[in-house]
N, C-alpha and C. Protein backbone atom coordinates (compact mmCIF):
# COMPACT_ATOMS: atom_id res chain seq x y z
N MET A 1 0.89 -1.24 -0.04
CA MET A 1 -0.04 -0.01 -0.10
C MET A 1 0.89 1.36 -0.16
N LYS A 2 2.04 1.22 0.97
CA LYS A 2 2.65 2.44 0.84
C LYS A 2 3.39 2.66 -0.44
N ILE A 3 3.82 1.52 -1.07
CA ILE A 3 4.51 1.61 -2.29
C ILE A 3 3.82 2.51 -3.27
N ARG A 4 2.31 2.12 -3.44
CA ARG A 4 1.54 2.66 -4.33
C ARG A 4 1.33 4.24 -4.04
N HIS A 5 1.42 4.60 -2.83
CA HIS A 5 1.24 5.93 -2.62
C HIS A 5 2.51 6.78 -2.81
N LEU A 6 3.64 5.96 -2.71
CA LEU A 6 4.94 6.67 -2.92
C LEU A 6 5.10 6.90 -4.57
N ILE A 7 4.71 5.89 -5.38
CA ILE A 7 4.65 6.05 -6.78
C ILE A 7 3.81 6.89 -7.36
N LEU A 8 2.47 7.03 -6.62
CA LEU A 8 1.74 7.99 -7.08
C LEU A 8 2.34 9.38 -6.63
N PHE A 9 2.85 9.55 -5.48
CA PHE A 9 3.63 10.86 -5.23
C PHE A 9 4.54 11.36 -6.21
N PHE A 10 5.43 10.26 -6.57
CA PHE A 10 6.40 10.79 -7.72
C PHE A 10 5.87 10.90 -9.01
N LEU A 11 4.77 10.43 -9.40
CA LEU A 11 4.05 10.61 -10.77
C LEU A 11 3.57 12.07 -10.68
N ILE A 12 2.92 12.35 -9.59
CA ILE A 12 2.30 13.69 -9.32
C ILE A 12 3.58 14.92 -9.27
N ILE A 13 4.52 14.63 -8.47
CA ILE A 13 5.64 15.48 -8.63
C ILE A 13 6.26 15.85 -10.09
N SER A 14 6.54 14.73 -10.56
CA SER A 14 7.09 14.76 -11.86
C SER A 14 6.28 15.50 -12.98
N GLY A 15 5.14 15.19 -12.90
CA GLY A 15 4.17 15.82 -13.78
C GLY A 15 3.96 17.26 -13.78
N GLN A 16 3.92 17.92 -12.28
CA GLN A 16 4.15 19.26 -12.16
C GLN A 16 5.26 19.80 -12.60
N THR A 17 6.32 19.27 -12.56
CA THR A 17 7.70 19.79 -13.01
C THR A 17 7.74 19.58 -14.59
N ALA A 18 7.12 18.72 -15.05
CA ALA A 18 7.03 18.73 -16.75
C ALA A 18 6.36 19.95 -17.13
N PHE A 19 5.29 20.50 -16.35
CA PHE A 19 4.57 21.50 -16.78
C PHE A 19 4.83 22.72 -16.30
N ALA A 20 5.79 22.88 -15.41
CA ALA A 20 6.21 24.06 -14.82
C ALA A 20 6.83 25.06 -15.90
N GLN A 21 6.22 26.41 -15.77
CA GLN A 21 6.54 27.31 -16.87
C GLN A 21 8.28 27.83 -16.29
N VAL A 22 8.79 28.49 -17.43
CA VAL A 22 9.84 29.08 -17.00
C VAL A 22 9.49 30.66 -16.45
N SER A 23 10.06 30.74 -15.50
CA SER A 23 9.95 32.44 -14.94
C SER A 23 10.68 33.36 -15.71
N LEU A 24 10.36 34.50 -15.85
CA LEU A 24 11.03 35.62 -16.33
C LEU A 24 12.51 35.62 -15.96
N GLU A 25 12.78 35.58 -14.54
CA GLU A 25 13.91 35.61 -14.12
C GLU A 25 14.84 34.52 -14.73
N GLN A 26 14.31 33.28 -14.79
CA GLN A 26 15.11 32.04 -15.35
C GLN A 26 15.30 32.40 -16.89
N ALA A 27 14.31 33.01 -17.46
CA ALA A 27 14.64 33.22 -19.01
C ALA A 27 15.57 34.26 -19.01
N ARG A 28 15.58 35.41 -18.33
CA ARG A 28 16.60 36.38 -18.47
C ARG A 28 18.02 35.93 -18.07
N SER A 29 18.07 35.18 -16.99
CA SER A 29 19.28 34.63 -16.67
C SER A 29 20.17 33.65 -17.70
N MET A 30 19.20 32.69 -18.25
CA MET A 30 19.53 31.95 -19.31
C MET A 30 20.04 32.60 -20.38
N TYR A 31 19.09 33.47 -20.97
CA TYR A 31 19.29 34.36 -22.16
C TYR A 31 20.71 35.22 -21.90
N PHE A 32 20.79 35.85 -21.14
CA PHE A 32 22.24 36.48 -21.13
C PHE A 32 23.42 35.78 -20.48
N GLY A 33 23.07 34.27 -20.33
CA GLY A 33 24.16 33.59 -20.22
C GLY A 33 24.48 32.62 -21.43
N MET A 34 23.91 32.96 -22.58
CA MET A 34 23.99 32.21 -23.65
C MET A 34 25.37 32.24 -24.12
N ASP A 35 26.01 33.47 -24.11
CA ASP A 35 27.24 33.68 -24.54
C ASP A 35 28.36 32.67 -24.11
N LYS A 36 27.93 32.31 -22.73
CA LYS A 36 29.12 31.34 -22.07
C LYS A 36 28.87 29.94 -22.53
N ASP A 37 27.67 29.35 -22.98
CA ASP A 37 27.19 28.22 -23.26
C ASP A 37 26.87 28.14 -24.74
N GLU A 38 27.68 27.51 -25.33
CA GLU A 38 27.45 27.32 -26.96
C GLU A 38 25.76 26.94 -27.43
N CYS A 39 25.43 25.99 -26.58
CA CYS A 39 23.89 25.36 -26.72
C CYS A 39 22.95 26.15 -25.78
N GLY A 40 23.30 27.13 -25.14
CA GLY A 40 22.45 27.92 -24.13
C GLY A 40 21.01 28.25 -24.85
N ALA A 41 21.20 28.74 -26.06
CA ALA A 41 19.77 29.00 -26.68
C ALA A 41 19.04 27.92 -26.92
N LEU A 42 19.53 26.91 -27.23
CA LEU A 42 18.71 25.47 -27.46
C LEU A 42 18.20 25.15 -26.27
N LYS A 43 18.98 25.12 -25.06
CA LYS A 43 18.67 24.80 -23.83
C LYS A 43 17.29 25.62 -23.28
N LEU A 44 17.45 26.82 -23.53
CA LEU A 44 16.34 27.85 -23.08
C LEU A 44 15.00 27.67 -23.85
N SER A 45 15.26 27.58 -25.19
CA SER A 45 14.09 27.16 -26.16
C SER A 45 13.32 25.81 -25.65
N GLU A 46 14.31 24.89 -25.52
CA GLU A 46 13.70 23.58 -24.83
C GLU A 46 13.05 23.76 -23.48
N SER A 47 13.43 24.56 -22.76
CA SER A 47 12.84 24.71 -21.30
C SER A 47 11.38 25.15 -21.28
N PHE A 48 11.20 25.88 -22.43
CA PHE A 48 9.66 26.28 -22.59
C PHE A 48 8.84 25.04 -23.07
N GLY A 49 9.42 23.95 -23.55
CA GLY A 49 8.63 22.87 -24.02
C GLY A 49 8.12 23.12 -25.38
N ASN A 50 6.84 22.54 -25.82
CA ASN A 50 6.21 22.95 -26.98
C ASN A 50 5.17 23.86 -27.02
N LYS A 51 4.91 24.42 -25.74
CA LYS A 51 3.77 25.12 -25.51
C LYS A 51 4.26 26.62 -25.38
N ALA A 52 3.89 27.62 -26.16
CA ALA A 52 4.18 28.92 -26.13
C ALA A 52 3.45 29.48 -24.60
N PRO A 53 4.45 30.36 -24.03
CA PRO A 53 3.85 30.85 -22.84
C PRO A 53 2.85 32.00 -23.00
N ALA A 54 2.13 32.30 -22.27
CA ALA A 54 0.86 33.10 -22.42
C ALA A 54 1.54 34.60 -22.08
N ASP A 55 2.46 34.77 -21.11
CA ASP A 55 2.92 36.07 -21.11
C ASP A 55 3.79 36.40 -22.39
N VAL A 56 3.49 37.86 -22.90
CA VAL A 56 4.19 38.09 -24.10
C VAL A 56 5.70 38.49 -23.96
N VAL A 57 6.00 38.79 -22.83
CA VAL A 57 7.75 38.95 -22.82
C VAL A 57 8.40 37.71 -22.77
N LEU A 58 7.81 36.49 -22.02
CA LEU A 58 8.30 35.29 -22.08
C LEU A 58 8.12 34.83 -23.41
N LEU A 59 7.11 34.95 -24.12
CA LEU A 59 7.02 34.56 -25.48
C LEU A 59 8.10 35.12 -26.40
N ALA A 60 8.46 36.32 -26.05
CA ALA A 60 9.70 37.14 -26.81
C ALA A 60 11.11 36.30 -26.50
N TYR A 61 11.28 35.68 -25.13
CA TYR A 61 12.35 35.11 -24.88
C TYR A 61 12.45 33.91 -25.58
N TYR A 62 11.35 33.16 -25.74
CA TYR A 62 11.05 31.80 -26.34
C TYR A 62 11.44 31.99 -27.78
N GLY A 63 11.07 33.07 -28.45
CA GLY A 63 11.21 33.23 -29.86
C GLY A 63 12.68 33.61 -29.99
N ALA A 64 13.33 34.36 -29.23
CA ALA A 64 14.57 34.88 -29.42
C ALA A 64 15.47 33.61 -29.37
N SER A 65 15.26 32.78 -28.26
CA SER A 65 16.19 31.69 -28.16
C SER A 65 15.87 30.50 -29.00
N THR A 66 14.81 30.37 -29.66
CA THR A 66 14.40 29.46 -30.74
C THR A 66 15.05 29.93 -31.97
N ALA A 67 15.01 31.16 -32.10
CA ALA A 67 15.79 31.85 -33.14
C ALA A 67 17.21 31.65 -33.30
N ALA A 68 17.72 31.58 -32.14
CA ALA A 68 19.24 31.42 -31.74
C ALA A 68 19.79 29.99 -31.84
N ALA A 69 18.66 29.12 -31.52
CA ALA A 69 19.11 27.81 -31.21
C ALA A 69 19.80 27.01 -32.47
N PRO A 70 19.44 27.39 -33.76
CA PRO A 70 20.36 26.52 -34.89
C PRO A 70 21.67 26.44 -34.74
N ASN A 71 22.47 27.28 -33.83
CA ASN A 71 23.74 26.91 -33.83
C ASN A 71 24.20 25.49 -33.12
N CYS A 72 23.18 24.78 -32.63
CA CYS A 72 23.55 23.69 -32.00
C CYS A 72 22.71 22.54 -32.65
N ILE A 73 22.17 22.71 -33.93
CA ILE A 73 21.40 21.97 -34.63
C ILE A 73 22.31 21.49 -35.93
N GLY A 74 22.35 20.15 -36.24
CA GLY A 74 23.07 19.85 -37.50
C GLY A 74 22.27 19.76 -38.78
N ASN A 75 21.02 19.44 -38.80
CA ASN A 75 20.32 19.42 -39.72
C ASN A 75 19.90 20.66 -40.44
N PRO A 76 20.32 21.09 -41.64
CA PRO A 76 20.00 22.55 -42.26
C PRO A 76 18.57 22.67 -42.32
N ALA A 77 17.78 21.72 -42.60
CA ALA A 77 16.20 22.03 -42.57
C ALA A 77 15.62 22.56 -41.49
N LYS A 78 16.13 21.82 -40.35
CA LYS A 78 15.82 21.97 -38.89
C LYS A 78 16.41 23.21 -38.56
N LYS A 79 17.49 23.66 -39.08
CA LYS A 79 17.79 25.04 -38.53
C LYS A 79 17.01 26.11 -39.03
N ILE A 80 16.58 26.09 -40.23
CA ILE A 80 15.67 27.13 -40.80
C ILE A 80 14.46 27.03 -39.90
N ALA A 81 14.03 25.70 -39.85
CA ALA A 81 12.58 25.59 -39.03
C ALA A 81 12.66 26.35 -37.82
N TYR A 82 13.80 26.14 -37.05
CA TYR A 82 13.79 26.72 -35.69
C TYR A 82 13.85 28.11 -35.91
N PHE A 83 14.70 28.64 -36.82
CA PHE A 83 14.96 30.10 -36.82
C PHE A 83 13.40 30.74 -37.23
N ARG A 84 12.77 30.25 -38.30
CA ARG A 84 11.55 30.75 -38.60
C ARG A 84 10.60 30.78 -37.57
N ARG A 85 10.42 29.60 -36.85
CA ARG A 85 9.51 29.49 -35.83
C ARG A 85 9.93 30.62 -34.71
N GLY A 86 11.17 30.64 -34.30
CA GLY A 86 11.49 31.60 -33.25
C GLY A 86 11.32 33.18 -33.73
N LYS A 87 11.35 33.50 -35.08
CA LYS A 87 11.28 34.72 -35.68
C LYS A 87 9.86 35.07 -35.66
N GLN A 88 8.90 34.09 -36.02
CA GLN A 88 7.34 34.33 -35.96
C GLN A 88 6.97 34.67 -34.46
N MET A 89 7.62 33.82 -33.45
CA MET A 89 7.31 34.15 -32.02
C MET A 89 7.61 35.63 -31.58
N LEU A 90 8.88 35.83 -32.05
CA LEU A 90 9.41 37.22 -31.58
C LEU A 90 8.37 38.34 -32.32
N GLU A 91 8.09 38.23 -33.59
CA GLU A 91 7.25 39.17 -34.15
C GLU A 91 5.78 39.17 -33.60
N ASP A 92 5.35 38.05 -33.31
CA ASP A 92 4.05 37.97 -32.61
C ASP A 92 3.93 38.69 -31.23
N ALA A 93 5.08 38.60 -30.48
CA ALA A 93 5.39 39.31 -29.30
C ALA A 93 5.52 40.96 -29.56
N VAL A 94 5.87 41.25 -30.43
CA VAL A 94 6.21 42.72 -30.93
C VAL A 94 4.92 43.24 -31.24
N ALA A 95 4.14 42.39 -32.06
CA ALA A 95 2.70 42.85 -32.47
C ALA A 95 1.75 43.20 -31.29
N LYS A 96 1.99 42.17 -30.38
CA LYS A 96 1.10 42.27 -28.91
C LYS A 96 1.44 43.30 -28.19
N LYS A 97 2.73 43.67 -27.91
CA LYS A 97 3.10 44.72 -26.99
C LYS A 97 4.22 45.48 -27.92
N PRO A 98 4.01 46.36 -28.66
CA PRO A 98 5.05 47.11 -29.39
C PRO A 98 5.91 48.09 -28.37
N GLY A 99 5.23 48.36 -27.41
CA GLY A 99 5.92 49.51 -26.53
C GLY A 99 6.75 48.88 -25.45
N GLN A 100 6.92 47.66 -25.48
CA GLN A 100 7.69 46.73 -24.22
C GLN A 100 9.06 46.83 -24.69
N LEU A 101 9.94 47.35 -23.87
CA LEU A 101 11.40 47.64 -24.37
C LEU A 101 12.02 46.23 -24.36
N GLU A 102 11.67 45.52 -23.43
CA GLU A 102 12.47 44.15 -23.25
C GLU A 102 12.15 43.45 -24.58
N ILE A 103 11.05 43.47 -25.22
CA ILE A 103 10.71 42.59 -26.40
C ILE A 103 11.34 43.25 -27.47
N ARG A 104 11.37 44.61 -27.46
CA ARG A 104 11.91 45.18 -28.56
C ARG A 104 13.60 44.94 -28.66
N PHE A 105 13.94 44.76 -27.56
CA PHE A 105 15.41 44.50 -27.19
C PHE A 105 15.71 43.11 -28.05
N LEU A 106 14.83 42.30 -27.48
CA LEU A 106 15.25 40.88 -27.67
C LEU A 106 15.09 40.83 -29.32
N ARG A 107 14.17 41.39 -29.96
CA ARG A 107 14.18 41.41 -31.57
C ARG A 107 15.29 42.15 -32.12
N PHE A 108 15.85 43.19 -31.40
CA PHE A 108 17.10 43.77 -31.91
C PHE A 108 18.12 43.14 -31.74
N ALA A 109 18.33 42.43 -30.61
CA ALA A 109 19.27 41.38 -30.50
C ALA A 109 19.53 40.36 -31.49
N THR A 110 18.23 39.68 -31.80
CA THR A 110 18.18 38.54 -32.66
C THR A 110 18.63 38.96 -34.22
N GLN A 111 18.13 40.15 -34.59
CA GLN A 111 18.30 40.60 -35.76
C GLN A 111 19.81 41.07 -36.05
N THR A 112 20.30 41.57 -34.95
CA THR A 112 21.94 41.94 -35.01
C THR A 112 22.93 40.71 -35.07
N LYS A 113 22.25 39.55 -34.47
CA LYS A 113 22.88 38.31 -34.61
C LYS A 113 22.79 37.44 -35.51
N ALA A 114 21.61 37.65 -36.33
CA ALA A 114 21.21 36.74 -37.34
C ALA A 114 22.17 36.79 -38.57
N PRO A 115 22.35 35.69 -39.26
CA PRO A 115 23.40 36.09 -40.47
C PRO A 115 22.33 36.76 -41.45
N SER A 116 23.26 37.70 -42.27
CA SER A 116 22.54 38.58 -43.29
C SER A 116 21.81 37.73 -44.39
N PHE A 117 22.08 36.57 -44.81
CA PHE A 117 21.71 35.97 -45.82
C PHE A 117 19.95 35.56 -45.51
N LEU A 118 19.70 35.50 -44.10
CA LEU A 118 18.32 35.22 -43.71
C LEU A 118 17.51 36.50 -43.83
N GLY A 119 17.92 37.74 -44.02
CA GLY A 119 17.21 38.90 -44.29
C GLY A 119 16.45 39.16 -43.14
N TYR A 120 16.76 39.10 -42.00
CA TYR A 120 15.93 39.35 -40.85
C TYR A 120 16.65 40.31 -40.08
N ASN A 121 16.45 41.57 -40.67
CA ASN A 121 17.35 42.69 -40.09
C ASN A 121 16.58 44.29 -40.56
N ALA A 122 15.36 44.06 -40.72
CA ALA A 122 14.48 45.20 -41.25
C ALA A 122 14.14 46.38 -39.89
N ASN A 123 14.35 45.86 -38.74
CA ASN A 123 13.90 46.44 -37.72
C ASN A 123 14.84 46.96 -36.64
N ILE A 124 16.30 46.87 -37.08
CA ILE A 124 17.16 47.02 -36.28
C ILE A 124 17.18 48.59 -35.83
N GLN A 125 17.30 49.50 -36.90
CA GLN A 125 17.27 51.04 -36.61
C GLN A 125 15.90 51.27 -35.75
N ASP A 126 14.99 50.86 -36.22
CA ASP A 126 13.70 51.45 -35.21
C ASP A 126 13.79 50.89 -33.98
N ASP A 127 14.11 49.65 -33.56
CA ASP A 127 14.29 49.05 -32.27
C ASP A 127 15.31 49.80 -31.60
N LYS A 128 16.49 50.00 -32.17
CA LYS A 128 17.73 50.85 -31.56
C LYS A 128 17.11 52.04 -31.16
N LYS A 129 16.37 52.74 -31.89
CA LYS A 129 15.92 54.23 -31.63
C LYS A 129 14.89 54.08 -30.31
N PHE A 130 14.13 52.90 -30.25
CA PHE A 130 13.07 52.89 -29.36
C PHE A 130 13.70 52.44 -28.06
N ILE A 131 14.80 51.80 -27.95
CA ILE A 131 15.26 51.35 -26.85
C ILE A 131 16.11 52.59 -26.04
N LEU A 132 16.89 53.19 -27.03
CA LEU A 132 17.70 54.52 -26.57
C LEU A 132 16.88 55.56 -25.91
N GLU A 133 15.65 55.73 -26.47
CA GLU A 133 14.73 56.61 -26.03
C GLU A 133 13.98 56.19 -24.78
N ASN A 134 13.94 55.04 -24.46
CA ASN A 134 13.13 54.33 -23.39
C ASN A 134 13.91 53.60 -22.40
N ILE A 135 15.11 53.36 -22.70
CA ILE A 135 15.92 52.60 -21.56
C ILE A 135 16.04 53.35 -20.27
N LYS A 136 16.12 54.42 -20.27
CA LYS A 136 16.35 55.25 -18.88
C LYS A 136 15.08 55.12 -17.99
N GLN A 137 13.97 55.22 -18.51
CA GLN A 137 12.59 55.10 -18.00
C GLN A 137 12.35 53.62 -17.44
N PHE A 138 12.72 52.84 -18.26
CA PHE A 138 12.60 51.15 -18.07
C PHE A 138 13.44 51.19 -16.98
N GLY A 139 14.89 51.47 -16.97
CA GLY A 139 15.68 51.22 -15.99
C GLY A 139 15.44 51.80 -14.47
N ASN A 140 14.51 52.70 -14.53
CA ASN A 140 14.21 53.62 -13.11
C ASN A 140 13.29 52.63 -12.35
N GLN A 141 12.64 51.68 -12.99
CA GLN A 141 11.78 50.82 -12.29
C GLN A 141 12.69 50.00 -11.57
N PRO A 142 12.73 49.82 -10.24
CA PRO A 142 13.63 48.93 -9.41
C PRO A 142 13.71 47.41 -9.91
N ALA A 143 12.54 46.89 -10.47
CA ALA A 143 12.50 45.43 -10.85
C ALA A 143 13.25 45.47 -12.02
N ASN A 144 13.37 46.55 -12.75
CA ASN A 144 13.95 46.42 -14.23
C ASN A 144 15.66 47.08 -14.34
N ARG A 145 16.17 47.21 -13.18
CA ARG A 145 17.41 48.16 -13.32
C ARG A 145 18.55 46.99 -13.76
N GLU A 146 18.56 45.85 -13.07
CA GLU A 146 19.56 44.76 -13.53
C GLU A 146 19.54 44.58 -14.93
N ILE A 147 18.21 44.15 -15.40
CA ILE A 147 18.17 43.96 -16.84
C ILE A 147 18.43 44.84 -17.78
N ALA A 148 18.03 46.33 -17.21
CA ALA A 148 18.39 47.49 -18.06
C ALA A 148 19.78 47.50 -18.19
N SER A 149 20.69 47.38 -17.18
CA SER A 149 22.03 47.32 -17.15
C SER A 149 22.38 46.37 -18.22
N LYS A 150 22.00 45.23 -18.26
CA LYS A 150 22.40 44.06 -19.29
C LYS A 150 22.02 44.72 -20.63
N ILE A 151 20.93 45.15 -20.71
CA ILE A 151 20.53 45.53 -22.13
C ILE A 151 21.46 46.76 -22.85
N ALA A 152 21.78 47.60 -21.75
CA ALA A 152 22.68 48.51 -22.03
C ALA A 152 24.11 48.16 -22.44
N GLY A 153 24.42 47.10 -21.63
CA GLY A 153 25.91 46.49 -21.98
C GLY A 153 25.84 45.81 -23.58
N PHE A 154 24.84 44.98 -23.81
CA PHE A 154 24.57 44.21 -25.03
C PHE A 154 24.59 45.27 -26.00
N MET A 155 23.97 46.53 -25.98
CA MET A 155 23.94 47.56 -27.14
C MET A 155 25.11 48.09 -27.16
N VAL A 156 25.90 48.45 -26.16
CA VAL A 156 27.17 48.99 -26.57
C VAL A 156 28.19 48.14 -27.38
N ASP A 157 28.14 46.73 -26.98
CA ASP A 157 28.94 45.64 -27.42
C ASP A 157 28.31 45.24 -28.88
N SER A 158 27.32 45.84 -29.27
CA SER A 158 26.38 45.19 -30.52
C SER A 158 27.21 45.94 -31.83
N GLY A 159 27.94 47.06 -31.55
CA GLY A 159 28.62 47.43 -32.77
C GLY A 159 27.66 48.28 -33.48
N GLN A 160 26.39 48.47 -33.11
CA GLN A 160 25.33 49.18 -33.91
C GLN A 160 25.05 50.78 -33.32
N LEU A 161 25.62 50.95 -32.45
CA LEU A 161 25.50 52.41 -31.91
C LEU A 161 26.71 53.20 -32.43
N THR A 162 26.33 54.74 -32.49
CA THR A 162 27.35 55.58 -32.84
C THR A 162 28.06 55.82 -31.63
N SER A 163 29.10 56.48 -31.52
CA SER A 163 29.91 56.87 -30.42
C SER A 163 29.25 57.82 -29.54
N ASN A 164 28.44 58.75 -29.87
CA ASN A 164 27.55 59.54 -29.04
C ASN A 164 26.45 58.54 -28.40
N GLU A 165 25.79 57.73 -29.13
CA GLU A 165 24.85 56.83 -28.63
C GLU A 165 25.34 55.86 -27.45
N SER A 166 26.39 55.56 -27.79
CA SER A 166 27.36 54.45 -26.85
C SER A 166 27.58 55.18 -25.73
N ALA A 167 28.21 56.50 -25.76
CA ALA A 167 28.65 57.30 -24.45
C ALA A 167 26.98 57.50 -23.56
N ARG A 168 25.89 57.76 -24.42
CA ARG A 168 24.84 58.02 -23.50
C ARG A 168 24.27 56.69 -22.75
N ILE A 169 24.47 55.68 -23.27
CA ILE A 169 23.86 54.32 -22.85
C ILE A 169 24.88 53.72 -21.74
N LYS A 170 26.06 53.81 -22.04
CA LYS A 170 27.25 53.43 -21.11
C LYS A 170 26.94 53.81 -19.70
N ILE A 171 26.36 54.62 -19.28
CA ILE A 171 26.08 54.95 -17.96
C ILE A 171 25.17 54.02 -17.42
N LEU A 172 24.27 53.74 -18.16
CA LEU A 172 23.32 52.49 -17.37
C LEU A 172 23.76 51.07 -17.26
N ALA A 173 25.13 50.96 -18.34
CA ALA A 173 25.56 49.67 -18.46
C ALA A 173 26.61 49.41 -17.01
N ASN A 174 27.08 50.57 -16.40
CA ASN A 174 27.83 50.33 -15.46
C ASN A 174 27.28 50.19 -14.08
C-alpha cells in the first residue's frame, strides 16, 4: 500500500515539474548566459517545452532563444525551421506589445546576430531608436534595473551604436 502511495506521489511531482513554466528571471538569466554556453539558446528554447507561454515577454524570450538555437542543430532544414519559428514568435510578441522595451530589445538582439542571408534585419534601426529613447525610464523601475544594465551592455557591445549613443547608454551599463 505504501509503495503505491509513493509511486503516485512521484508521478504527481514529476508531472508538475514537466508542466512548470519558465519564470521571467530564469529566462533572463539563461538568455544573458547564452554567450557562455554554446548551446544555451537551445537549452532555453527547450525549457519552454512545445507550448508557447501566455506572457508576452516570455514569448519573446522563447522566440529569441528558438531563433538562436540553430547553432546547435546539425540538420540544415531543422535549423531554418527553428529560426523561422523563433522569428515568428518574436514578431507576434512585438505585435502584441510594441511598446515593451524588453521585447523590442530581444528582436534587436536577434536581428543583429542573425546571418545577413536570412534577411531578418529590417527593424534594427527602429528598435535601436526605441530602446535608446526608453531605456532610462525602463531602468528607473526597481524591478528592471539589472536587466536594463544588461541590455545597455549588449547595446554598447553590439557595434550598432554611434559613439555618441554609446556614451549615453554606457552610464546604464555600469
